[in-house]
């Protein structure tokens, strides 16, 4: 079962650290540079919204939510074939 946790919450970072420590460190650094946590998980841009990866693409135990700006959302959809839907916690 995937973990649909609120992006950038302490629970989200704890889960991400277990499955992808490099991504957790990168996102922590991005939020530090931005000085706030409501920015894109990938690049730090604002505005950003919360999304979850559709269930058919998830793997057991992965953190399946991200906070993404429009550019990063489109890149992940077009280059990586990932499908996201808005995440409402």
C-alpha atoms as a PDB file:
ATOM      1  CA  UNK A   1       0.000   0.000   0.000  1.00  0.00           C
ATOM      2  CA  UNK A   2       1.298   3.448  -0.862  1.00  0.00           C
ATOM      3  CA  UNK A   3       1.780   6.196   1.678  1.00  0.00           C
ATOM      4  CA  UNK A   4      -0.476   9.142   0.875  1.00  0.00           C
ATOM      5  CA  UNK A   5       1.035  11.578   3.354  1.00  0.00           C
ATOM      6  CA  UNK A   6       0.836  15.357   3.210  1.00  0.00           C
ATOM      7  CA  UNK A   7       3.914  16.540   1.295  1.00  0.00           C
ATOM      8  CA  UNK A   8       6.613  18.152   3.440  1.00  0.00           C
ATOM      9  CA  UNK A   9       5.049  16.995   6.727  1.00  0.00           C
ATOM     10  CA  UNK A  10       7.307  15.353   9.304  1.00  0.00           C
ATOM     11  CA  UNK A  11       5.616  11.995   8.577  1.00  0.00           C
ATOM     12  CA  UNK A  12       6.214  12.461   4.829  1.00  0.00           C
ATOM     13  CA  UNK A  13       9.924  13.172   5.373  1.00  0.00           C
ATOM     14  CA  UNK A  14      10.292  10.197   7.745  1.00  0.00           C
ATOM     15  CA  UNK A  15       8.731   7.843   5.175  1.00  0.00           C
ATOM     16  CA  UNK A  16      10.731   9.333   2.295  1.00  0.00           C
ATOM     17  CA  UNK A  17      13.978   9.027   4.250  1.00  0.00           C
ATOM     18  CA  UNK A  18      13.405   5.257   4.497  1.00  0.00           C
ATOM     19  CA  UNK A  19      12.777   4.667   0.779  1.00  0.00           C
ATOM     20  CA  UNK A  20      14.718   7.484  -0.918  1.00  0.00           C
ATOM     21  CA  UNK A  21      17.148   9.294   1.392  1.00  0.00           C
ATOM     22  CA  UNK A  22      18.705  11.261  -1.479  1.00  0.00           C
ATOM     23  CA  UNK A  23      15.350  12.751  -2.469  1.00  0.00           C
ATOM     24  CA  UNK A  24      14.575  13.515   1.182  1.00  0.00           C
ATOM     25  CA  UNK A  25      17.890  15.374   1.526  1.00  0.00           C
ATOM     26  CA  UNK A  26      17.360  17.255  -1.744  1.00  0.00           C
ATOM     27  CA  UNK A  27      13.854  18.365  -0.777  1.00  0.00           C
ATOM     28  CA  UNK A  28      15.056  19.407   2.685  1.00  0.00           C
ATOM     29  CA  UNK A  29      17.728  21.577   1.060  1.00  0.00           C
ATOM     30  CA  UNK A  30      15.221  23.092  -1.390  1.00  0.00           C
ATOM     31  CA  UNK A  31      12.866  24.030   1.442  1.00  0.00           C
ATOM     32  CA  UNK A  32      15.782  25.501   3.380  1.00  0.00           C
ATOM     33  CA  UNK A  33      16.788  27.673   0.413  1.00  0.00           C
ATOM     34  CA  UNK A  34      13.177  28.787  -0.075  1.00  0.00           C
ATOM     35  CA  UNK A  35      12.752  29.527   3.624  1.00  0.00           C
ATOM     36  CA  UNK A  36       9.290  27.939   3.638  1.00  0.00           C
ATOM     37  CA  UNK A  37       7.605  24.615   2.928  1.00  0.00           C
ATOM     38  CA  UNK A  38       4.783  25.535   0.520  1.00  0.00           C
ATOM     39  CA  UNK A  39       7.037  25.364  -2.556  1.00  0.00           C
ATOM     40  CA  UNK A  40       7.679  22.643  -5.159  1.00  0.00           C
ATOM     41  CA  UNK A  41       9.339  19.483  -3.774  1.00  0.00           C
ATOM     42  CA  UNK A  42      11.583  19.288  -6.843  1.00  0.00           C
ATOM     43  CA  UNK A  43      12.679  22.837  -7.705  1.00  0.00           C
ATOM     44  CA  UNK A  44      11.404  25.159  -4.949  1.00  0.00           C
ATOM     45  CA  UNK A  45       9.139  27.222  -7.218  1.00  0.00           C
ATOM     46  CA  UNK A  46       5.929  28.871  -6.095  1.00  0.00           C
ATOM     47  CA  UNK A  47       3.034  28.344  -6.550  1.00  0.00           C
ATOM     48  CA  UNK A  48       2.922  24.606  -5.999  1.00  0.00           C
ATOM     49  CA  UNK A  49       0.083  22.207  -5.242  1.00  0.00           C
ATOM     50  CA  UNK A  50      -0.103  18.785  -3.619  1.00  0.00           C
ATOM     51  CA  UNK A  51      -0.497  15.744  -5.878  1.00  0.00           C
ATOM     52  CA  UNK A  52      -0.607  11.990  -5.481  1.00  0.00           C
ATOM     53  CA  UNK A  53       0.656   9.456  -7.976  1.00  0.00           C
ATOM     54  CA  UNK A  54      -2.179   7.354  -9.381  1.00  0.00           C
ATOM     55  CA  UNK A  55      -2.483   3.968  -7.728  1.00  0.00           C
ATOM     56  CA  UNK A  56      -1.678   1.881 -10.817  1.00  0.00           C
ATOM     57  CA  UNK A  57       1.823   3.386 -10.852  1.00  0.00           C
ATOM     58  CA  UNK A  58       2.675   3.020  -7.194  1.00  0.00           C
ATOM     59  CA  UNK A  59       4.723   0.354  -5.507  1.00  0.00           C
ATOM     60  CA  UNK A  60       4.199  -0.911  -2.007  1.00  0.00           C
ATOM     61  CA  UNK A  61       5.766   1.342   0.592  1.00  0.00           C
ATOM     62  CA  UNK A  62       6.672   4.272  -1.632  1.00  0.00           C
ATOM     63  CA  UNK A  63       5.832   7.836  -0.771  1.00  0.00           C
ATOM     64  CA  UNK A  64       3.315   8.603  -3.507  1.00  0.00           C
ATOM     65  CA  UNK A  65       2.726  12.323  -2.919  1.00  0.00           C
ATOM     66  CA  UNK A  66       4.624  15.424  -3.979  1.00  0.00           C
ATOM     67  CA  UNK A  67       4.145  19.179  -3.929  1.00  0.00           C
ATOM     68  CA  UNK A  68       4.717  20.283  -7.522  1.00  0.00           C
ATOM     69  CA  UNK A  69       4.786  23.493  -9.541  1.00  0.00           C
ATOM     70  CA  UNK A  70       3.166  23.400 -12.986  1.00  0.00           C
ATOM     71  CA  UNK A  71       6.520  22.988 -14.761  1.00  0.00           C
ATOM     72  CA  UNK A  72       7.658  20.011 -12.669  1.00  0.00           C
ATOM     73  CA  UNK A  73       4.202  18.425 -12.908  1.00  0.00           C
ATOM     74  CA  UNK A  74       4.345  18.656 -16.708  1.00  0.00           C
ATOM     75  CA  UNK A  75       7.930  17.354 -16.851  1.00  0.00           C
ATOM     76  CA  UNK A  76       7.069  14.325 -14.727  1.00  0.00           C
ATOM     77  CA  UNK A  77       3.965  13.647 -16.822  1.00  0.00           C
ATOM     78  CA  UNK A  78       5.600  14.113 -20.227  1.00  0.00           C
ATOM     79  CA  UNK A  79       9.122  12.779 -19.660  1.00  0.00           C
ATOM     80  CA  UNK A  80       8.486  10.089 -17.059  1.00  0.00           C
ATOM     81  CA  UNK A  81       4.907   9.104 -17.903  1.00  0.00           C
ATOM     82  CA  UNK A  82       3.755   9.657 -14.338  1.00  0.00           C
ATOM     83  CA  UNK A  83       0.105  10.473 -13.747  1.00  0.00           C
ATOM     84  CA  UNK A  84      -0.826  12.675 -10.820  1.00  0.00           C
ATOM     85  CA  UNK A  85      -4.154  13.764  -9.400  1.00  0.00           C
ATOM     86  CA  UNK A  86      -4.716  16.564  -6.879  1.00  0.00           C
ATOM     87  CA  UNK A  87      -4.144  15.404  -3.305  1.00  0.00           C
ATOM     88  CA  UNK A  88      -6.497  16.704  -0.672  1.00  0.00           C
ATOM     89  CA  UNK A  89      -5.536  15.728   2.846  1.00  0.00           C
END
